[in-house]
Amino acid sequence: MSNWTRGLTLLGACEEAIEWCKKYESLEDVWQVCERGDWMLWLAGRILGEPESDSRTLDDVRKAAYYAHYAAYHAADVAAANASYAANYAIRNSILKQCADIVRKEYPNAPKL
């Protein structure tokens, strides 16, 4: 395991995320190419502190997470009702990529582990 991914393990990141991240030299590299907005929001939430703590406000991660989560799951629900499994998988990945783009817009730099 590279040194920087050990921090992900200590934070409780899922094995799938850790394995994927090992392909990159740094969290900053991962942050710039990640297409899993759910992973990015999870990490930002873990790093920035507990909800409503002094370390973050409603305008921070919780706001971005709310909109990204709502949009992703609403779109996925609609798509699931109207498309096949293969199409749903492609749509889900597209939505997660859009979520990742939203996270990068609000947080252009990776949080520090």
C-alpha atoms as a PDB file:
ATOM      1  CA  MET A   1       0.000   0.000   0.000  1.00  0.00           C
ATOM      2  CA  SER A   2       1.356   3.407  -0.846  1.00  0.00           C
ATOM      3  CA  ASN A   3       1.851   5.747   2.099  1.00  0.00           C
ATOM      4  CA  TRP A   4      -0.989   8.072   1.253  1.00  0.00           C
ATOM      5  CA  THR A   5      -3.643   5.339   0.883  1.00  0.00           C
ATOM      6  CA  ARG A   6      -3.008   4.240   4.462  1.00  0.00           C
ATOM      7  CA  GLY A   7      -4.879   7.374   5.518  1.00  0.00           C
ATOM      8  CA  LEU A   8      -7.907   6.169   3.581  1.00  0.00           C
ATOM      9  CA  THR A   9      -7.770   2.851   5.409  1.00  0.00           C
ATOM     10  CA  LEU A  10      -7.597   4.600   8.782  1.00  0.00           C
ATOM     11  CA  LEU A  11     -10.640   6.694   7.848  1.00  0.00           C
ATOM     12  CA  GLY A  12     -12.588   3.543   6.997  1.00  0.00           C
ATOM     13  CA  ALA A  13     -12.738   3.857   3.210  1.00  0.00           C
ATOM     14  CA  CYS A  14     -14.141   0.863   1.355  1.00  0.00           C
ATOM     15  CA  GLU A  15     -11.717  -1.665  -0.103  1.00  0.00           C
ATOM     16  CA  GLU A  16     -12.867  -0.910  -3.655  1.00  0.00           C
ATOM     17  CA  ALA A  17     -11.934   2.763  -3.276  1.00  0.00           C
ATOM     18  CA  ILE A  18      -8.583   1.982  -1.662  1.00  0.00           C
ATOM     19  CA  GLU A  19      -7.630  -0.482  -4.392  1.00  0.00           C
ATOM     20  CA  TRP A  20      -8.591   1.992  -7.109  1.00  0.00           C
ATOM     21  CA  CYS A  21      -6.632   4.792  -5.429  1.00  0.00           C
ATOM     22  CA  LYS A  22      -3.449   2.718  -5.247  1.00  0.00           C
ATOM     23  CA  LYS A  23      -2.968   3.305  -8.974  1.00  0.00           C
ATOM     24  CA  TYR A  24      -2.210   6.971  -8.284  1.00  0.00           C
ATOM     25  CA  GLU A  25       0.703   8.758  -6.688  1.00  0.00           C
ATOM     26  CA  SER A  26      -1.315  11.097  -4.490  1.00  0.00           C
ATOM     27  CA  LEU A  27      -4.755  12.034  -3.304  1.00  0.00           C
ATOM     28  CA  GLU A  28      -4.515  15.172  -5.427  1.00  0.00           C
ATOM     29  CA  ASP A  29      -4.028  13.002  -8.536  1.00  0.00           C
ATOM     30  CA  VAL A  30      -7.037  10.895  -7.573  1.00  0.00           C
ATOM     31  CA  TRP A  31      -9.142  13.972  -6.853  1.00  0.00           C
ATOM     32  CA  GLN A  32      -8.581  15.317 -10.359  1.00  0.00           C
ATOM     33  CA  VAL A  33      -9.624  12.111 -12.183  1.00  0.00           C
ATOM     34  CA  CYS A  34     -12.105  10.414  -9.852  1.00  0.00           C
ATOM     35  CA  GLU A  35     -15.519   9.777 -11.379  1.00  0.00           C
ATOM     36  CA  ARG A  36     -17.117   8.611  -8.123  1.00  0.00           C
ATOM     37  CA  GLY A  37     -18.668  11.681  -6.555  1.00  0.00           C
ATOM     38  CA  ASP A  38     -20.021   9.543  -3.730  1.00  0.00           C
ATOM     39  CA  TRP A  39     -16.467   8.597  -2.733  1.00  0.00           C
ATOM     40  CA  MET A  40     -15.354  12.218  -2.933  1.00  0.00           C
ATOM     41  CA  LEU A  41     -18.227  13.444  -0.771  1.00  0.00           C
ATOM     42  CA  TRP A  42     -17.594  10.685   1.743  1.00  0.00           C
ATOM     43  CA  LEU A  43     -13.945  11.697   2.052  1.00  0.00           C
ATOM     44  CA  ALA A  44     -14.693  15.411   2.261  1.00  0.00           C
ATOM     45  CA  GLY A  45     -17.259  14.726   4.961  1.00  0.00           C
ATOM     46  CA  ARG A  46     -14.835  12.599   6.980  1.00  0.00           C
ATOM     47  CA  ILE A  47     -11.996  15.131   6.700  1.00  0.00           C
ATOM     48  CA  LEU A  48     -13.952  18.329   7.273  1.00  0.00           C
ATOM     49  CA  GLY A  49     -15.527  17.243  10.546  1.00  0.00           C
ATOM     50  CA  GLU A  50     -18.872  16.373  12.027  1.00  0.00           C
ATOM     51  CA  PRO A  51     -22.015  18.017  10.620  1.00  0.00           C
ATOM     52  CA  GLU A  52     -22.706  21.392  12.239  1.00  0.00           C
ATOM     53  CA  SER A  53     -19.288  21.443  13.903  1.00  0.00           C
ATOM     54  CA  ASP A  54     -17.136  24.554  13.892  1.00  0.00           C
ATOM     55  CA  SER A  55     -14.973  22.938  11.207  1.00  0.00           C
ATOM     56  CA  ARG A  56     -17.695  23.055   8.566  1.00  0.00           C
ATOM     57  CA  THR A  57     -20.983  24.767   7.896  1.00  0.00           C
ATOM     58  CA  LEU A  58     -24.200  23.983   6.082  1.00  0.00           C
ATOM     59  CA  ASP A  59     -22.783  25.774   3.062  1.00  0.00           C
ATOM     60  CA  ASP A  60     -19.905  23.328   2.872  1.00  0.00           C
ATOM     61  CA  VAL A  61     -20.052  19.623   2.173  1.00  0.00           C
ATOM     62  CA  ARG A  62     -23.591  19.098   3.446  1.00  0.00           C
ATOM     63  CA  LYS A  63     -25.014  21.491   0.867  1.00  0.00           C
ATOM     64  CA  ALA A  64     -23.032  19.954  -1.990  1.00  0.00           C
ATOM     65  CA  ALA A  65     -23.851  16.466  -0.769  1.00  0.00           C
ATOM     66  CA  TYR A  66     -27.562  17.220  -0.538  1.00  0.00           C
ATOM     67  CA  TYR A  67     -27.842  18.488  -4.097  1.00  0.00           C
ATOM     68  CA  ALA A  68     -25.571  15.840  -5.585  1.00  0.00           C
ATOM     69  CA  HIS A  69     -27.306  13.060  -3.673  1.00  0.00           C
ATOM     70  CA  TYR A  70     -30.790  14.269  -4.565  1.00  0.00           C
ATOM     71  CA  ALA A  71     -29.974  14.735  -8.251  1.00  0.00           C
ATOM     72  CA  ALA A  72     -28.149  11.428  -8.533  1.00  0.00           C
ATOM     73  CA  TYR A  73     -30.774   9.311  -6.846  1.00  0.00           C
ATOM     74  CA  HIS A  74     -33.741  11.059  -8.430  1.00  0.00           C
ATOM     75  CA  ALA A  75     -32.241  10.583 -11.882  1.00  0.00           C
ATOM     76  CA  ALA A  76     -31.321   6.997 -11.075  1.00  0.00           C
ATOM     77  CA  ASP A  77     -34.862   6.242  -9.898  1.00  0.00           C
ATOM     78  CA  VAL A  78     -36.371   7.661 -13.070  1.00  0.00           C
ATOM     79  CA  ALA A  79     -33.842   5.835 -15.211  1.00  0.00           C
ATOM     80  CA  ALA A  80     -34.401   2.568 -13.378  1.00  0.00           C
ATOM     81  CA  ALA A  81     -38.096   2.706 -14.161  1.00  0.00           C
ATOM     82  CA  ASN A  82     -37.480   3.223 -17.875  1.00  0.00           C
ATOM     83  CA  ALA A  83     -34.297   1.387 -18.840  1.00  0.00           C
ATOM     84  CA  SER A  84     -32.622  -2.007 -18.837  1.00  0.00           C
ATOM     85  CA  TYR A  85     -29.963  -3.102 -16.354  1.00  0.00           C
ATOM     86  CA  ALA A  86     -27.111  -2.283 -18.757  1.00  0.00           C
ATOM     87  CA  ALA A  87     -28.511   1.148 -19.457  1.00  0.00           C
ATOM     88  CA  ASN A  88     -29.009   1.766 -15.725  1.00  0.00           C
ATOM     89  CA  TYR A  89     -25.396   0.872 -15.057  1.00  0.00           C
ATOM     90  CA  ALA A  90     -24.200   3.346 -17.698  1.00  0.00           C
ATOM     91  CA  ILE A  91     -26.570   6.028 -16.397  1.00  0.00           C
ATOM     92  CA  ARG A  92     -25.451   5.452 -12.797  1.00  0.00           C
ATOM     93  CA  ASN A  93     -21.819   5.852 -13.791  1.00  0.00           C
ATOM     94  CA  SER A  94     -22.660   9.002 -15.707  1.00  0.00           C
ATOM     95  CA  ILE A  95     -24.475  10.425 -12.692  1.00  0.00           C
ATOM     96  CA  LEU A  96     -21.598   9.571 -10.372  1.00  0.00           C
ATOM     97  CA  LYS A  97     -19.226  11.331 -12.786  1.00  0.00           C
ATOM     98  CA  GLN A  98     -21.493  14.398 -12.784  1.00  0.00           C
ATOM     99  CA  CYS A  99     -21.482  14.299  -8.992  1.00  0.00           C
ATOM    100  CA  ALA A 100     -17.666  14.123  -9.023  1.00  0.00           C
ATOM    101  CA  ASP A 101     -17.556  17.157 -11.321  1.00  0.00           C
ATOM    102  CA  ILE A 102     -19.815  19.070  -8.895  1.00  0.00           C
ATOM    103  CA  VAL A 103     -17.558  18.154  -5.970  1.00  0.00           C
ATOM    104  CA  ARG A 104     -14.437  19.246  -7.896  1.00  0.00           C
ATOM    105  CA  LYS A 105     -16.135  22.560  -8.770  1.00  0.00           C
ATOM    106  CA  GLU A 106     -16.793  23.278  -5.080  1.00  0.00           C
ATOM    107  CA  TYR A 107     -13.534  21.706  -3.851  1.00  0.00           C
ATOM    108  CA  PRO A 108     -10.904  21.987  -6.601  1.00  0.00           C
ATOM    109  CA  ASN A 109      -8.182  20.615  -4.315  1.00  0.00           C
ATOM    110  CA  ALA A 110      -8.233  17.344  -2.443  1.00  0.00           C
ATOM    111  CA  PRO A 111      -8.642  17.570   1.327  1.00  0.00           C
ATOM    112  CA  LYS A 112      -5.525  16.837   3.362  1.00  0.00           C
ATOM    113  CA  LEU A 113      -5.384  13.367   4.948  1.00  0.00           C
END
